[in-house]
Amino acid sequence: MKLSKILGILCILIGLSFLFPIGLGQTMQTSDDQTKIGIFYYVWWEATNPNSWDSTCVDTPLLGWYDSNDPMIINQHLSSLEELGIDFVIISWWGTEDRFGGFTDMSAKEVFQVANNSRTNLKFAILSNLLT
């Protein structure tokens, strides 16, 4: 197996261990009620874009090869995050003219729209990934 593929798999596994350090269906408990738990939420996944879901993805996501701007997918993600006890979401945003043709801008706006229309208690922030 190529070293790059092994490193890619290792990076995915390490990333998942940070996202899901507990069993699914359990909530995270902290000793300090002031402690907040957040995640980075990447909105560049586009089912038809070869630069998005590429050969480095070794497993099929539970929701299939989805688009990040699909309101049903966003709703499912938000529900899952709340079930896991996540308090806040940091959306990775690449500007209005990103390398995905503005897709992350459109997707970030859709996440905010879906969150605004839902009864989520999650808090949201933007991480600006603008390249100069």
N, C-alpha and C. Protein backbone atom coordinates (compact mmCIF):
# COMPACT_ATOMS: atom_id res chain seq x y z
N MET A 1 0.86 -1.17 0.00
CA MET A 1 0.00 0.00 0.00
C MET A 1 0.90 1.24 0.00
N LYS A 2 0.60 2.22 -0.81
CA LYS A 2 1.41 3.43 -0.91
C LYS A 2 1.42 4.17 0.42
N LEU A 3 2.56 4.78 0.73
CA LEU A 3 2.71 5.54 1.97
C LEU A 3 1.69 6.67 2.03
N SER A 4 1.43 7.33 0.90
CA SER A 4 0.47 8.44 0.91
C SER A 4 -0.93 7.95 1.26
N LYS A 5 -1.30 6.78 0.79
CA LYS A 5 -2.62 6.23 1.10
C LYS A 5 -2.71 5.86 2.58
N ILE A 6 -1.65 5.26 3.10
CA ILE A 6 -1.62 4.91 4.53
C ILE A 6 -1.72 6.16 5.38
N LEU A 7 -0.98 7.20 5.01
CA LEU A 7 -1.03 8.46 5.76
C LEU A 7 -2.42 9.09 5.67
N GLY A 8 -3.05 9.01 4.50
CA GLY A 8 -4.40 9.54 4.33
C GLY A 8 -5.40 8.83 5.23
N ILE A 9 -5.32 7.50 5.27
CA ILE A 9 -6.21 6.72 6.13
C ILE A 9 -5.96 7.06 7.59
N LEU A 10 -4.70 7.17 7.99
CA LEU A 10 -4.35 7.50 9.36
C LEU A 10 -4.90 8.86 9.75
N CYS A 11 -4.80 9.85 8.85
CA CYS A 11 -5.32 11.19 9.12
C CYS A 11 -6.84 11.15 9.31
N ILE A 12 -7.52 10.39 8.49
CA ILE A 12 -8.98 10.28 8.61
C ILE A 12 -9.34 9.65 9.96
N LEU A 13 -8.65 8.58 10.33
CA LEU A 13 -8.96 7.91 11.59
C LEU A 13 -8.68 8.82 12.79
N ILE A 14 -7.58 9.55 12.74
CA ILE A 14 -7.27 10.48 13.83
C ILE A 14 -8.33 11.57 13.90
N GLY A 15 -8.73 12.11 12.75
CA GLY A 15 -9.78 13.13 12.72
C GLY A 15 -11.09 12.63 13.28
N LEU A 16 -11.47 11.42 12.91
CA LEU A 16 -12.71 10.85 13.43
C LEU A 16 -12.65 10.61 14.92
N SER A 17 -11.48 10.26 15.44
CA SER A 17 -11.38 10.02 16.89
C SER A 17 -11.61 11.32 17.66
N PHE A 18 -11.27 12.46 17.06
CA PHE A 18 -11.54 13.74 17.72
C PHE A 18 -13.01 14.12 17.59
N LEU A 19 -13.63 13.80 16.46
CA LEU A 19 -15.03 14.14 16.27
C LEU A 19 -15.95 13.26 17.11
N PHE A 20 -15.59 11.98 17.25
CA PHE A 20 -16.46 11.04 17.94
C PHE A 20 -15.68 10.29 19.02
N PRO A 21 -15.23 11.01 20.07
CA PRO A 21 -14.43 10.35 21.10
C PRO A 21 -15.27 9.48 22.03
N ILE A 22 -16.58 9.49 21.88
CA ILE A 22 -17.47 8.68 22.71
C ILE A 22 -18.31 7.81 21.81
N GLY A 23 -19.02 6.87 22.38
CA GLY A 23 -19.90 6.02 21.60
C GLY A 23 -21.07 6.81 21.06
N LEU A 24 -21.53 6.47 19.88
CA LEU A 24 -22.69 7.14 19.30
C LEU A 24 -23.89 6.94 20.20
N GLY A 25 -24.72 7.95 20.34
CA GLY A 25 -25.89 7.86 21.19
C GLY A 25 -25.63 8.33 22.61
N GLN A 26 -24.36 8.52 22.96
CA GLN A 26 -24.02 9.03 24.29
C GLN A 26 -23.75 10.52 24.18
N THR A 27 -23.92 11.23 25.27
CA THR A 27 -23.57 12.65 25.27
C THR A 27 -22.28 12.84 26.06
N MET A 28 -21.57 13.89 25.73
CA MET A 28 -20.31 14.17 26.41
C MET A 28 -20.59 14.82 27.75
N GLN A 29 -19.89 14.39 28.77
CA GLN A 29 -20.03 14.95 30.11
C GLN A 29 -18.73 15.66 30.47
N THR A 30 -18.85 16.83 31.01
CA THR A 30 -17.67 17.56 31.47
C THR A 30 -17.85 17.87 32.94
N SER A 31 -16.74 18.05 33.63
CA SER A 31 -16.82 18.35 35.05
C SER A 31 -17.16 19.82 35.29
N ASP A 32 -16.98 20.64 34.30
CA ASP A 32 -17.22 22.07 34.41
C ASP A 32 -18.38 22.46 33.50
N ASP A 33 -19.47 22.92 34.07
CA ASP A 33 -20.63 23.29 33.26
C ASP A 33 -20.35 24.43 32.31
N GLN A 34 -19.25 25.15 32.50
CA GLN A 34 -18.88 26.25 31.62
C GLN A 34 -18.14 25.78 30.36
N THR A 35 -17.67 24.55 30.36
CA THR A 35 -16.93 24.03 29.22
C THR A 35 -17.87 23.80 28.05
N LYS A 36 -17.48 24.30 26.89
CA LYS A 36 -18.25 24.13 25.67
C LYS A 36 -17.46 23.27 24.70
N ILE A 37 -18.17 22.45 23.96
CA ILE A 37 -17.53 21.55 23.00
C ILE A 37 -18.01 21.92 21.60
N GLY A 38 -17.04 22.11 20.69
CA GLY A 38 -17.38 22.50 19.33
C GLY A 38 -16.66 21.65 18.31
N ILE A 39 -17.08 21.81 17.07
CA ILE A 39 -16.46 21.09 15.96
C ILE A 39 -16.26 22.03 14.78
N PHE A 40 -15.35 21.66 13.89
CA PHE A 40 -15.23 22.32 12.60
C PHE A 40 -16.16 21.60 11.64
N TYR A 41 -16.87 22.37 10.83
CA TYR A 41 -17.85 21.82 9.89
C TYR A 41 -17.46 22.29 8.50
N TYR A 42 -17.05 21.36 7.66
CA TYR A 42 -16.58 21.69 6.32
C TYR A 42 -17.72 21.54 5.31
N VAL A 43 -17.92 22.57 4.51
CA VAL A 43 -19.07 22.62 3.60
C VAL A 43 -18.66 22.53 2.12
N TRP A 44 -17.59 21.81 1.83
CA TRP A 44 -17.14 21.71 0.45
C TRP A 44 -17.53 20.39 -0.22
N TRP A 45 -18.26 19.53 0.49
CA TRP A 45 -18.61 18.22 -0.06
C TRP A 45 -19.71 18.37 -1.11
N GLU A 46 -19.39 18.00 -2.32
CA GLU A 46 -20.33 18.11 -3.44
C GLU A 46 -20.26 16.80 -4.23
N ALA A 47 -21.38 16.10 -4.28
CA ALA A 47 -21.40 14.75 -4.86
C ALA A 47 -20.90 14.70 -6.30
N THR A 48 -21.14 15.75 -7.08
CA THR A 48 -20.77 15.71 -8.50
C THR A 48 -19.42 16.36 -8.80
N ASN A 49 -18.72 16.87 -7.79
CA ASN A 49 -17.45 17.55 -8.00
C ASN A 49 -16.30 16.58 -7.73
N PRO A 50 -15.48 16.26 -8.74
CA PRO A 50 -14.39 15.30 -8.54
C PRO A 50 -13.31 15.81 -7.57
N ASN A 51 -13.27 17.12 -7.31
CA ASN A 51 -12.31 17.66 -6.35
C ASN A 51 -12.78 17.52 -4.91
N SER A 52 -14.01 17.09 -4.73
CA SER A 52 -14.59 17.00 -3.40
C SER A 52 -14.45 15.58 -2.84
N TRP A 53 -15.35 14.70 -3.25
CA TRP A 53 -15.27 13.30 -2.83
C TRP A 53 -14.34 12.61 -3.82
N ASP A 54 -13.10 12.43 -3.45
CA ASP A 54 -12.15 11.84 -4.39
C ASP A 54 -11.65 10.49 -3.89
N SER A 55 -10.63 9.99 -4.53
CA SER A 55 -10.12 8.65 -4.23
C SER A 55 -9.50 8.53 -2.85
N THR A 56 -9.25 9.65 -2.17
CA THR A 56 -8.69 9.57 -0.82
C THR A 56 -9.75 9.18 0.21
N CYS A 57 -11.02 9.26 -0.16
CA CYS A 57 -12.10 8.83 0.74
C CYS A 57 -12.20 7.32 0.63
N VAL A 58 -11.87 6.62 1.70
CA VAL A 58 -11.82 5.17 1.64
C VAL A 58 -13.13 4.51 2.05
N ASP A 59 -13.99 5.22 2.73
CA ASP A 59 -15.28 4.67 3.16
C ASP A 59 -16.41 5.56 2.68
N THR A 60 -17.55 4.98 2.45
CA THR A 60 -18.73 5.73 2.07
C THR A 60 -19.35 6.34 3.33
N PRO A 61 -19.63 7.64 3.34
CA PRO A 61 -20.29 8.26 4.50
C PRO A 61 -21.63 7.59 4.78
N LEU A 62 -22.06 7.59 6.03
CA LEU A 62 -23.34 6.98 6.40
C LEU A 62 -24.51 7.55 5.59
N LEU A 63 -24.43 8.83 5.24
CA LEU A 63 -25.49 9.48 4.48
C LEU A 63 -25.25 9.42 2.98
N GLY A 64 -24.24 8.68 2.55
CA GLY A 64 -23.92 8.57 1.14
C GLY A 64 -23.06 9.74 0.68
N TRP A 65 -22.78 9.80 -0.61
CA TRP A 65 -21.97 10.88 -1.19
C TRP A 65 -22.87 12.10 -1.35
N TYR A 66 -22.95 12.90 -0.32
CA TYR A 66 -23.92 14.00 -0.26
C TYR A 66 -23.34 15.34 -0.69
N ASP A 67 -24.23 16.30 -0.87
CA ASP A 67 -23.86 17.70 -1.10
C ASP A 67 -24.01 18.44 0.22
N SER A 68 -23.02 19.26 0.55
CA SER A 68 -23.06 20.02 1.80
C SER A 68 -24.17 21.06 1.85
N ASN A 69 -24.76 21.41 0.73
CA ASN A 69 -25.82 22.42 0.74
C ASN A 69 -27.22 21.80 0.68
N ASP A 70 -27.32 20.49 0.87
CA ASP A 70 -28.61 19.81 0.88
C ASP A 70 -29.28 20.02 2.25
N PRO A 71 -30.43 20.70 2.30
CA PRO A 71 -31.07 21.00 3.59
C PRO A 71 -31.38 19.75 4.42
N MET A 72 -31.73 18.64 3.79
CA MET A 72 -32.01 17.42 4.55
C MET A 72 -30.73 16.88 5.20
N ILE A 73 -29.62 16.95 4.50
CA ILE A 73 -28.33 16.52 5.05
C ILE A 73 -27.93 17.43 6.21
N ILE A 74 -28.07 18.73 6.01
CA ILE A 74 -27.72 19.70 7.07
C ILE A 74 -28.57 19.43 8.30
N ASN A 75 -29.87 19.24 8.13
CA ASN A 75 -30.75 18.93 9.27
C ASN A 75 -30.28 17.67 9.99
N GLN A 76 -29.92 16.64 9.24
CA GLN A 76 -29.45 15.40 9.86
C GLN A 76 -28.15 15.64 10.63
N HIS A 77 -27.23 16.40 10.03
CA HIS A 77 -25.98 16.71 10.72
C HIS A 77 -26.24 17.48 12.01
N LEU A 78 -27.09 18.50 11.94
CA LEU A 78 -27.37 19.31 13.13
C LEU A 78 -28.00 18.46 14.23
N SER A 79 -28.93 17.59 13.86
CA SER A 79 -29.56 16.70 14.84
C SER A 79 -28.52 15.77 15.48
N SER A 80 -27.65 15.21 14.66
CA SER A 80 -26.61 14.31 15.17
C SER A 80 -25.66 15.04 16.10
N LEU A 81 -25.29 16.26 15.73
CA LEU A 81 -24.38 17.03 16.57
C LEU A 81 -25.00 17.33 17.94
N GLU A 82 -26.27 17.68 17.93
CA GLU A 82 -26.95 17.94 19.20
C GLU A 82 -27.05 16.67 20.05
N GLU A 83 -27.34 15.54 19.41
CA GLU A 83 -27.40 14.28 20.14
C GLU A 83 -26.07 13.93 20.78
N LEU A 84 -24.97 14.32 20.15
CA LEU A 84 -23.64 14.06 20.68
C LEU A 84 -23.22 15.06 21.75
N GLY A 85 -24.02 16.08 21.99
CA GLY A 85 -23.70 17.06 23.02
C GLY A 85 -22.79 18.19 22.55
N ILE A 86 -22.72 18.40 21.25
CA ILE A 86 -21.91 19.50 20.70
C ILE A 86 -22.62 20.82 20.99
N ASP A 87 -21.85 21.84 21.40
CA ASP A 87 -22.41 23.15 21.72
C ASP A 87 -22.31 24.15 20.58
N PHE A 88 -21.21 24.09 19.82
CA PHE A 88 -21.04 25.08 18.76
C PHE A 88 -20.37 24.47 17.54
N VAL A 89 -20.60 25.12 16.40
CA VAL A 89 -20.12 24.67 15.10
C VAL A 89 -19.34 25.81 14.46
N ILE A 90 -18.15 25.51 13.99
CA ILE A 90 -17.34 26.50 13.27
C ILE A 90 -17.33 26.08 11.80
N ILE A 91 -17.95 26.89 10.97
CA ILE A 91 -18.07 26.57 9.54
C ILE A 91 -16.85 27.09 8.79
N SER A 92 -16.21 26.20 8.06
CA SER A 92 -15.07 26.58 7.22
C SER A 92 -15.61 27.25 5.95
N TRP A 93 -15.27 28.52 5.78
CA TRP A 93 -15.78 29.30 4.64
C TRP A 93 -14.61 29.79 3.80
N TRP A 94 -14.70 29.62 2.50
CA TRP A 94 -13.61 29.95 1.59
C TRP A 94 -13.90 31.18 0.74
N GLY A 95 -14.86 31.98 1.13
CA GLY A 95 -15.17 33.20 0.39
C GLY A 95 -16.22 32.98 -0.68
N THR A 96 -16.54 34.06 -1.36
CA THR A 96 -17.59 33.99 -2.39
C THR A 96 -17.09 33.39 -3.70
N GLU A 97 -15.80 33.46 -3.94
CA GLU A 97 -15.21 32.90 -5.16
C GLU A 97 -14.15 31.88 -4.78
N ASP A 98 -14.58 30.76 -4.20
CA ASP A 98 -13.64 29.74 -3.76
C ASP A 98 -13.22 28.84 -4.92
N ARG A 99 -12.35 27.91 -4.64
CA ARG A 99 -11.88 27.00 -5.69
C ARG A 99 -12.95 26.02 -6.13
N PHE A 100 -14.09 26.04 -5.44
CA PHE A 100 -15.21 25.17 -5.79
C PHE A 100 -16.30 25.94 -6.52
N GLY A 101 -15.98 27.10 -7.09
CA GLY A 101 -16.94 27.88 -7.85
C GLY A 101 -17.99 28.56 -7.00
N GLY A 102 -17.62 28.93 -5.78
CA GLY A 102 -18.58 29.57 -4.87
C GLY A 102 -19.44 28.59 -4.09
N PHE A 103 -19.15 27.30 -4.22
CA PHE A 103 -19.97 26.27 -3.57
C PHE A 103 -19.95 26.39 -2.05
N THR A 104 -18.77 26.66 -1.45
CA THR A 104 -18.73 26.74 0.02
C THR A 104 -19.48 27.96 0.53
N ASP A 105 -19.49 29.04 -0.24
CA ASP A 105 -20.26 30.22 0.15
C ASP A 105 -21.75 29.88 0.16
N MET A 106 -22.21 29.25 -0.92
CA MET A 106 -23.62 28.86 -1.01
C MET A 106 -23.98 27.86 0.10
N SER A 107 -23.09 26.92 0.37
CA SER A 107 -23.35 25.90 1.39
C SER A 107 -23.37 26.50 2.80
N ALA A 108 -22.44 27.42 3.08
CA ALA A 108 -22.42 28.06 4.40
C ALA A 108 -23.71 28.83 4.63
N LYS A 109 -24.17 29.55 3.61
CA LYS A 109 -25.43 30.29 3.74
C LYS A 109 -26.59 29.34 3.98
N GLU A 110 -26.57 28.18 3.34
CA GLU A 110 -27.64 27.19 3.52
C GLU A 110 -27.63 26.62 4.94
N VAL A 111 -26.44 26.40 5.49
CA VAL A 111 -26.35 25.91 6.88
C VAL A 111 -26.99 26.92 7.82
N PHE A 112 -26.67 28.19 7.65
CA PHE A 112 -27.27 29.22 8.51
C PHE A 112 -28.79 29.30 8.31
N GLN A 113 -29.25 29.15 7.07
CA GLN A 113 -30.69 29.19 6.79
C GLN A 113 -31.40 28.02 7.47
N VAL A 114 -30.86 26.82 7.32
CA VAL A 114 -31.46 25.64 7.93
C VAL A 114 -31.44 25.77 9.45
N ALA A 115 -30.32 26.21 10.01
CA ALA A 115 -30.23 26.37 11.47
C ALA A 115 -31.24 27.40 11.96
N ASN A 116 -31.40 28.49 11.21
CA ASN A 116 -32.33 29.54 11.58
C ASN A 116 -33.78 29.02 11.57
N ASN A 117 -34.10 28.13 10.64
CA ASN A 117 -35.45 27.60 10.52
C ASN A 117 -35.72 26.40 11.42
N SER A 118 -34.69 25.88 12.06
CA SER A 118 -34.86 24.72 12.92
C SER A 118 -34.88 25.17 14.39
N ARG A 119 -35.05 24.22 15.25
CA ARG A 119 -35.09 24.52 16.68
C ARG A 119 -33.77 24.14 17.35
N THR A 120 -32.70 24.26 16.63
CA THR A 120 -31.40 23.87 17.17
C THR A 120 -30.93 24.84 18.25
N ASN A 121 -30.23 24.30 19.22
CA ASN A 121 -29.59 25.12 20.26
C ASN A 121 -28.12 25.34 19.97
N LEU A 122 -27.65 24.82 18.83
CA LEU A 122 -26.25 24.99 18.46
C LEU A 122 -25.95 26.45 18.17
N LYS A 123 -24.74 26.86 18.50
CA LYS A 123 -24.23 28.19 18.16
C LYS A 123 -23.29 28.02 16.97
N PHE A 124 -23.18 29.06 16.14
CA PHE A 124 -22.40 28.97 14.90
C PHE A 124 -21.41 30.13 14.79
N ALA A 125 -20.28 29.82 14.14
CA ALA A 125 -19.27 30.83 13.84
C ALA A 125 -18.67 30.47 12.48
N ILE A 126 -18.01 31.44 11.88
CA ILE A 126 -17.35 31.25 10.58
C ILE A 126 -15.84 31.29 10.78
N LEU A 127 -15.15 30.32 10.19
CA LEU A 127 -13.71 30.35 10.08
C LEU A 127 -13.40 30.74 8.65
N SER A 128 -12.82 31.92 8.47
CA SER A 128 -12.53 32.43 7.14
C SER A 128 -11.23 31.79 6.64
N ASN A 129 -11.33 31.04 5.57
CA ASN A 129 -10.18 30.39 4.94
C ASN A 129 -9.82 31.09 3.64
N LEU A 130 -9.90 32.40 3.62
CA LEU A 130 -9.58 33.16 2.40
C LEU A 130 -8.10 33.06 2.11
N LEU A 131 -7.78 32.73 0.88
CA LEU A 131 -6.39 32.65 0.47
C LEU A 131 -5.99 33.96 -0.19
N THR A 132 -4.82 34.45 0.16
CA THR A 132 -4.37 35.72 -0.42
C THR A 132 -3.39 35.48 -1.53
